[in-house]
């Protein structure tokens, strides 16, 4: 079983989650075990990363390895 923390922003999302719990597809608990609190800078970096992915500003690992290899020479 995988545990994740979700910050609910929209009331409809909370309703959806409770419906999924009613169908026994997910388990909702209020426990705050193993929660990692991110700094505002970390949250901003995640937002920036999501925008990069959305706009296609990404490179493959192979391309990154080639860039690194060229830089190291």
PDB file of N, CA and C in Angstrom:
ATOM      1  N   UNK A   1       0.836  -1.164   0.000  1.00  0.00           N
ATOM      2  CA  UNK A   1       0.000   0.000   0.000  1.00  0.00           C
ATOM      3  C   UNK A   1       0.889   1.237   0.000  1.00  0.00           C
ATOM      4  N   UNK A   2       0.559   2.214  -0.806  1.00  0.00           N
ATOM      5  CA  UNK A   2       1.315   3.449  -0.901  1.00  0.00           C
ATOM      6  C   UNK A   2       0.553   4.545  -0.160  1.00  0.00           C
ATOM      7  N   UNK A   3       1.279   5.348   0.599  1.00  0.00           N
ATOM      8  CA  UNK A   3       0.656   6.435   1.349  1.00  0.00           C
ATOM      9  C   UNK A   3       1.135   7.763   0.786  1.00  0.00           C
ATOM     10  N   UNK A   4       0.192   8.651   0.517  1.00  0.00           N
ATOM     11  CA  UNK A   4       0.526   9.988   0.033  1.00  0.00           C
ATOM     12  C   UNK A   4      -0.271  11.021   0.814  1.00  0.00           C
ATOM     13  N   UNK A   5       0.264  12.223   0.902  1.00  0.00           N
ATOM     14  CA  UNK A   5      -0.450  13.333   1.527  1.00  0.00           C
ATOM     15  C   UNK A   5      -0.994  14.200   0.409  1.00  0.00           C
ATOM     16  N   UNK A   6      -2.244  14.594   0.531  1.00  0.00           N
ATOM     17  CA  UNK A   6      -2.886  15.411  -0.488  1.00  0.00           C
ATOM     18  C   UNK A   6      -3.411  16.682   0.171  1.00  0.00           C
ATOM     19  N   UNK A   7      -3.039  17.829  -0.387  1.00  0.00           N
ATOM     20  CA  UNK A   7      -3.622  19.093   0.042  1.00  0.00           C
ATOM     21  C   UNK A   7      -4.814  19.366  -0.866  1.00  0.00           C
ATOM     22  N   UNK A   8      -5.992  19.392  -0.296  1.00  0.00           N
ATOM     23  CA  UNK A   8      -7.211  19.583  -1.078  1.00  0.00           C
ATOM     24  C   UNK A   8      -7.432  21.075  -1.288  1.00  0.00           C
ATOM     25  N   UNK A   9      -7.524  21.478  -2.541  1.00  0.00           N
ATOM     26  CA  UNK A   9      -7.680  22.881  -2.894  1.00  0.00           C
ATOM     27  C   UNK A   9      -9.135  23.202  -3.235  1.00  0.00           C
ATOM     28  N   UNK A  10      -9.812  22.292  -3.878  1.00  0.00           N
ATOM     29  CA  UNK A  10     -11.178  22.531  -4.345  1.00  0.00           C
ATOM     30  C   UNK A  10     -12.139  21.596  -3.621  1.00  0.00           C
ATOM     31  N   UNK A  11     -13.283  22.099  -3.169  1.00  0.00           N
ATOM     32  CA  UNK A  11     -14.244  21.249  -2.440  1.00  0.00           C
ATOM     33  C   UNK A  11     -14.697  20.026  -3.234  1.00  0.00           C
ATOM     34  N   UNK A  12     -14.780  20.130  -4.553  1.00  0.00           N
ATOM     35  CA  UNK A  12     -15.203  18.986  -5.370  1.00  0.00           C
ATOM     36  C   UNK A  12     -14.180  17.851  -5.282  1.00  0.00           C
ATOM     37  N   UNK A  13     -12.920  18.205  -5.124  1.00  0.00           N
ATOM     38  CA  UNK A  13     -11.881  17.180  -4.992  1.00  0.00           C
ATOM     39  C   UNK A  13     -12.073  16.402  -3.699  1.00  0.00           C
ATOM     40  N   UNK A  14     -12.425  17.106  -2.635  1.00  0.00           N
ATOM     41  CA  UNK A  14     -12.670  16.429  -1.362  1.00  0.00           C
ATOM     42  C   UNK A  14     -13.862  15.478  -1.487  1.00  0.00           C
ATOM     43  N   UNK A  15     -14.897  15.929  -2.169  1.00  0.00           N
ATOM     44  CA  UNK A  15     -16.078  15.079  -2.384  1.00  0.00           C
ATOM     45  C   UNK A  15     -15.698  13.837  -3.184  1.00  0.00           C
ATOM     46  N   UNK A  16     -14.883  14.021  -4.217  1.00  0.00           N
ATOM     47  CA  UNK A  16     -14.436  12.898  -5.036  1.00  0.00           C
ATOM     48  C   UNK A  16     -13.636  11.896  -4.204  1.00  0.00           C
ATOM     49  N   UNK A  17     -12.740  12.398  -3.367  1.00  0.00           N
ATOM     50  CA  UNK A  17     -11.939  11.508  -2.526  1.00  0.00           C
ATOM     51  C   UNK A  17     -12.813  10.726  -1.547  1.00  0.00           C
ATOM     52  N   UNK A  18     -13.791  11.380  -0.975  1.00  0.00           N
ATOM     53  CA  UNK A  18     -14.682  10.674  -0.058  1.00  0.00           C
ATOM     54  C   UNK A  18     -15.513   9.623  -0.792  1.00  0.00           C
ATOM     55  N   UNK A  19     -15.910   9.916  -2.030  1.00  0.00           N
ATOM     56  CA  UNK A  19     -16.635   8.919  -2.830  1.00  0.00           C
ATOM     57  C   UNK A  19     -15.751   7.709  -3.120  1.00  0.00           C
ATOM     58  N   UNK A  20     -14.474   7.961  -3.420  1.00  0.00           N
ATOM     59  CA  UNK A  20     -13.547   6.846  -3.647  1.00  0.00           C
ATOM     60  C   UNK A  20     -13.356   6.025  -2.373  1.00  0.00           C
ATOM     61  N   UNK A  21     -13.334   6.697  -1.241  1.00  0.00           N
ATOM     62  CA  UNK A  21     -13.222   5.987   0.035  1.00  0.00           C
ATOM     63  C   UNK A  21     -14.470   5.152   0.300  1.00  0.00           C
ATOM     64  N   UNK A  22     -15.637   5.696  -0.034  1.00  0.00           N
ATOM     65  CA  UNK A  22     -16.881   4.940   0.132  1.00  0.00           C
ATOM     66  C   UNK A  22     -16.880   3.667  -0.706  1.00  0.00           C
ATOM     67  N   UNK A  23     -16.242   3.741  -1.877  1.00  0.00           N
ATOM     68  CA  UNK A  23     -16.143   2.565  -2.744  1.00  0.00           C
ATOM     69  C   UNK A  23     -14.990   1.647  -2.331  1.00  0.00           C
ATOM     70  N   UNK A  24     -14.307   1.997  -1.255  1.00  0.00           N
ATOM     71  CA  UNK A  24     -13.169   1.254  -0.712  1.00  0.00           C
ATOM     72  C   UNK A  24     -12.018   1.145  -1.719  1.00  0.00           C
ATOM     73  N   UNK A  25     -11.855   2.202  -2.522  1.00  0.00           N
ATOM     74  CA  UNK A  25     -10.742   2.255  -3.457  1.00  0.00           C
ATOM     75  C   UNK A  25      -9.534   2.953  -2.844  1.00  0.00           C
ATOM     76  N   UNK A  26      -9.808   3.796  -1.848  1.00  0.00           N
ATOM     77  CA  UNK A  26      -8.740   4.465  -1.119  1.00  0.00           C
ATOM     78  C   UNK A  26      -9.103   4.492   0.354  1.00  0.00           C
ATOM     79  N   UNK A  27      -8.096   4.749   1.192  1.00  0.00           N
ATOM     80  CA  UNK A  27      -8.314   4.879   2.628  1.00  0.00           C
ATOM     81  C   UNK A  27      -7.904   6.289   3.026  1.00  0.00           C
ATOM     82  N   UNK A  28      -8.784   6.990   3.700  1.00  0.00           N
ATOM     83  CA  UNK A  28      -8.497   8.350   4.145  1.00  0.00           C
ATOM     84  C   UNK A  28      -8.209   8.317   5.635  1.00  0.00           C
ATOM     85  N   UNK A  29      -7.069   8.896   6.005  1.00  0.00           N
ATOM     86  CA  UNK A  29      -6.758   9.018   7.422  1.00  0.00           C
ATOM     87  C   UNK A  29      -6.228  10.420   7.674  1.00  0.00           C
ATOM     88  N   UNK A  30      -6.370  10.844   8.885  1.00  0.00           N
ATOM     89  CA  UNK A  30      -5.911  12.173   9.267  1.00  0.00           C
ATOM     90  C   UNK A  30      -4.518  12.136   9.889  1.00  0.00           C
ATOM     91  N   UNK A  31      -3.925  10.952   9.940  1.00  0.00           N
ATOM     92  CA  UNK A  31      -2.603  10.802  10.559  1.00  0.00           C
ATOM     93  C   UNK A  31      -1.563  11.560   9.759  1.00  0.00           C
ATOM     94  N   UNK A  32      -0.601  12.116  10.458  1.00  0.00           N
ATOM     95  CA  UNK A  32       0.468  12.856   9.802  1.00  0.00           C
ATOM     96  C   UNK A  32       1.802  12.145   9.991  1.00  0.00           C
ATOM     97  N   UNK A  33       1.820  10.848   9.701  1.00  0.00           N
ATOM     98  CA  UNK A  33       3.035  10.060   9.817  1.00  0.00           C
ATOM     99  C   UNK A  33       3.886  10.252   8.571  1.00  0.00           C
ATOM    100  N   UNK A  34       5.180  10.356   8.778  1.00  0.00           N
ATOM    101  CA  UNK A  34       6.136  10.420   7.674  1.00  0.00           C
ATOM    102  C   UNK A  34       5.860  11.554   6.698  1.00  0.00           C
ATOM    103  N   UNK A  35       5.402  12.673   7.180  1.00  0.00           N
ATOM    104  CA  UNK A  35       5.124  13.804   6.310  1.00  0.00           C
ATOM    105  C   UNK A  35       6.387  14.639   6.174  1.00  0.00           C
ATOM    106  N   UNK A  36       6.702  14.967   4.948  1.00  0.00           N
ATOM    107  CA  UNK A  36       7.840  15.826   4.669  1.00  0.00           C
ATOM    108  C   UNK A  36       7.298  17.209   4.352  1.00  0.00           C
ATOM    109  N   UNK A  37       7.730  18.192   5.110  1.00  0.00           N
ATOM    110  CA  UNK A  37       7.286  19.561   4.868  1.00  0.00           C
ATOM    111  C   UNK A  37       8.310  20.249   3.977  1.00  0.00           C
ATOM    112  N   UNK A  38       7.834  20.782   2.860  1.00  0.00           N
ATOM    113  CA  UNK A  38       8.713  21.439   1.908  1.00  0.00           C
ATOM    114  C   UNK A  38       8.803  22.927   2.201  1.00  0.00           C
ATOM    115  N   UNK A  39       9.970  23.481   1.941  1.00  0.00           N
ATOM    116  CA  UNK A  39      10.133  24.925   2.079  1.00  0.00           C
ATOM    117  C   UNK A  39       9.448  25.609   0.897  1.00  0.00           C
ATOM    118  N   UNK A  40       9.256  26.897   0.996  1.00  0.00           N
ATOM    119  CA  UNK A  40       8.627  27.625  -0.114  1.00  0.00           C
ATOM    120  C   UNK A  40       9.504  27.536  -1.366  1.00  0.00           C
ATOM    121  N   UNK A  41      10.821  27.505  -1.173  1.00  0.00           N
ATOM    122  CA  UNK A  41      11.732  27.388  -2.310  1.00  0.00           C
ATOM    123  C   UNK A  41      11.580  26.025  -2.997  1.00  0.00           C
ATOM    124  N   UNK A  42      11.438  24.969  -2.205  1.00  0.00           N
ATOM    125  CA  UNK A  42      11.250  23.637  -2.777  1.00  0.00           C
ATOM    126  C   UNK A  42       9.928  23.548  -3.537  1.00  0.00           C
ATOM    127  N   UNK A  43       8.885  24.139  -2.973  1.00  0.00           N
ATOM    128  CA  UNK A  43       7.586  24.148  -3.656  1.00  0.00           C
ATOM    129  C   UNK A  43       7.678  24.906  -4.975  1.00  0.00           C
ATOM    130  N   UNK A  44       8.380  26.037  -4.968  1.00  0.00           N
ATOM    131  CA  UNK A  44       8.559  26.828  -6.183  1.00  0.00           C
ATOM    132  C   UNK A  44       9.321  26.035  -7.242  1.00  0.00           C
ATOM    133  N   UNK A  45      10.350  25.294  -6.837  1.00  0.00           N
ATOM    134  CA  UNK A  45      11.102  24.473  -7.782  1.00  0.00           C
ATOM    135  C   UNK A  45      10.218  23.388  -8.399  1.00  0.00           C
ATOM    136  N   UNK A  46       9.343  22.799  -7.603  1.00  0.00           N
ATOM    137  CA  UNK A  46       8.429  21.787  -8.140  1.00  0.00           C
ATOM    138  C   UNK A  46       7.463  22.400  -9.149  1.00  0.00           C
ATOM    139  N   UNK A  47       6.963  23.589  -8.848  1.00  0.00           N
ATOM    140  CA  UNK A  47       6.065  24.289  -9.778  1.00  0.00           C
ATOM    141  C   UNK A  47       6.801  24.593 -11.079  1.00  0.00           C
ATOM    142  N   UNK A  48       8.048  25.064 -10.957  1.00  0.00           N
ATOM    143  CA  UNK A  48       8.847  25.356 -12.147  1.00  0.00           C
ATOM    144  C   UNK A  48       9.088  24.087 -12.964  1.00  0.00           C
ATOM    145  N   UNK A  49       9.335  22.971 -12.286  1.00  0.00           N
ATOM    146  CA  UNK A  49       9.550  21.698 -12.976  1.00  0.00           C
ATOM    147  C   UNK A  49       8.304  21.258 -13.725  1.00  0.00           C
ATOM    148  N   UNK A  50       7.147  21.410 -13.092  1.00  0.00           N
ATOM    149  CA  UNK A  50       5.889  21.042 -13.746  1.00  0.00           C
ATOM    150  C   UNK A  50       5.661  21.889 -14.991  1.00  0.00           C
ATOM    151  N   UNK A  51       5.996  23.180 -14.925  1.00  0.00           N
ATOM    152  CA  UNK A  51       5.849  24.062 -16.091  1.00  0.00           C
ATOM    153  C   UNK A  51       6.818  23.653 -17.194  1.00  0.00           C
ATOM    154  N   UNK A  52       8.062  23.280 -16.821  1.00  0.00           N
ATOM    155  CA  UNK A  52       9.016  22.810 -17.821  1.00  0.00           C
ATOM    156  C   UNK A  52       8.476  21.584 -18.545  1.00  0.00           C
ATOM    157  N   UNK A  53       7.917  20.648 -17.804  1.00  0.00           N
ATOM    158  CA  UNK A  53       7.347  19.443 -18.413  1.00  0.00           C
ATOM    159  C   UNK A  53       6.177  19.814 -19.309  1.00  0.00           C
ATOM    160  N   UNK A  54       5.308  20.685 -18.824  1.00  0.00           N
ATOM    161  CA  UNK A  54       4.125  21.101 -19.596  1.00  0.00           C
ATOM    162  C   UNK A  54       4.526  21.738 -20.932  1.00  0.00           C
ATOM    163  N   UNK A  55       5.588  22.559 -20.934  1.00  0.00           N
ATOM    164  CA  UNK A  55       6.013  23.266 -22.139  1.00  0.00           C
ATOM    165  C   UNK A  55       7.066  22.509 -22.939  1.00  0.00           C
ATOM    166  N   UNK A  56       7.394  21.303 -22.506  1.00  0.00           N
ATOM    167  CA  UNK A  56       8.336  20.478 -23.250  1.00  0.00           C
ATOM    168  C   UNK A  56       9.788  20.887 -23.089  1.00  0.00           C
ATOM    169  N   UNK A  57      10.083  21.631 -22.049  1.00  0.00           N
ATOM    170  CA  UNK A  57      11.459  22.065 -21.790  1.00  0.00           C
ATOM    171  C   UNK A  57      12.213  20.980 -21.017  1.00  0.00           C
ATOM    172  N   UNK A  58      12.364  19.831 -21.670  1.00  0.00           N
ATOM    173  CA  UNK A  58      13.020  18.691 -21.029  1.00  0.00           C
ATOM    174  C   UNK A  58      13.988  18.054 -22.014  1.00  0.00           C
ATOM    175  N   UNK A  59      14.948  17.313 -21.471  1.00  0.00           N
ATOM    176  CA  UNK A  59      15.855  16.528 -22.310  1.00  0.00           C
ATOM    177  C   UNK A  59      15.919  15.120 -21.728  1.00  0.00           C
ATOM    178  N   UNK A  60      16.290  14.193 -22.576  1.00  0.00           N
ATOM    179  CA  UNK A  60      16.381  12.800 -22.122  1.00  0.00           C
ATOM    180  C   UNK A  60      17.640  12.607 -21.280  1.00  0.00           C
ATOM    181  N   UNK A  61      17.676  11.519 -20.550  1.00  0.00           N
ATOM    182  CA  UNK A  61      18.859  11.201 -19.752  1.00  0.00           C
ATOM    183  C   UNK A  61      20.065  10.972 -20.660  1.00  0.00           C
ATOM    184  N   UNK A  62      19.808  10.377 -21.824  1.00  0.00           N
ATOM    185  CA  UNK A  62      20.891  10.132 -22.786  1.00  0.00           C
ATOM    186  C   UNK A  62      21.489  11.457 -23.247  1.00  0.00           C
ATOM    187  N   UNK A  63      20.631  12.428 -23.577  1.00  0.00           N
ATOM    188  CA  UNK A  63      21.119  13.741 -23.992  1.00  0.00           C
ATOM    189  C   UNK A  63      21.915  14.413 -22.867  1.00  0.00           C
ATOM    190  N   UNK A  64      21.420  14.289 -21.640  1.00  0.00           N
ATOM    191  CA  UNK A  64      22.116  14.866 -20.496  1.00  0.00           C
ATOM    192  C   UNK A  64      23.488  14.221 -20.305  1.00  0.00           C
ATOM    193  N   UNK A  65      23.556  12.899 -20.471  1.00  0.00           N
ATOM    194  CA  UNK A  65      24.837  12.186 -20.349  1.00  0.00           C
ATOM    195  C   UNK A  65      25.816  12.676 -21.411  1.00  0.00           C
ATOM    196  N   UNK A  66      25.319  12.915 -22.636  1.00  0.00           N
ATOM    197  CA  UNK A  66      26.190  13.403 -23.712  1.00  0.00           C
ATOM    198  C   UNK A  66      26.703  14.800 -23.399  1.00  0.00           C
ATOM    199  N   UNK A  67      25.839  15.659 -22.885  1.00  0.00           N
ATOM    200  CA  UNK A  67      26.238  17.022 -22.497  1.00  0.00           C
ATOM    201  C   UNK A  67      27.274  16.971 -21.397  1.00  0.00           C
ATOM    202  N   UNK A  68      27.027  16.129 -20.400  1.00  0.00           N
ATOM    203  CA  UNK A  68      27.978  15.984 -19.283  1.00  0.00           C
ATOM    204  C   UNK A  68      29.320  15.468 -19.783  1.00  0.00           C
ATOM    205  N   UNK A  69      29.289  14.480 -20.649  1.00  0.00           N
ATOM    206  CA  UNK A  69      30.518  13.886 -21.166  1.00  0.00           C
ATOM    207  C   UNK A  69      31.319  14.936 -21.937  1.00  0.00           C
ATOM    208  N   UNK A  70      30.651  15.705 -22.770  1.00  0.00           N
ATOM    209  CA  UNK A  70      31.339  16.760 -23.546  1.00  0.00           C
ATOM    210  C   UNK A  70      31.916  17.813 -22.615  1.00  0.00           C
ATOM    211  N   UNK A  71      31.194  18.158 -21.581  1.00  0.00           N
ATOM    212  CA  UNK A  71      31.652  19.187 -20.634  1.00  0.00           C
ATOM    213  C   UNK A  71      32.871  18.714 -19.847  1.00  0.00           C
ATOM    214  N   UNK A  72      32.911  17.419 -19.523  1.00  0.00           N
ATOM    215  CA  UNK A  72      34.012  16.873 -18.745  1.00  0.00           C
ATOM    216  C   UNK A  72      35.306  16.741 -19.547  1.00  0.00           C
ATOM    217  N   UNK A  73      35.224  16.760 -20.854  1.00  0.00           N
ATOM    218  CA  UNK A  73      36.420  16.565 -21.680  1.00  0.00           C
ATOM    219  C   UNK A  73      37.180  17.838 -21.875  1.00  0.00           C
TER     220      UNK A  73
END
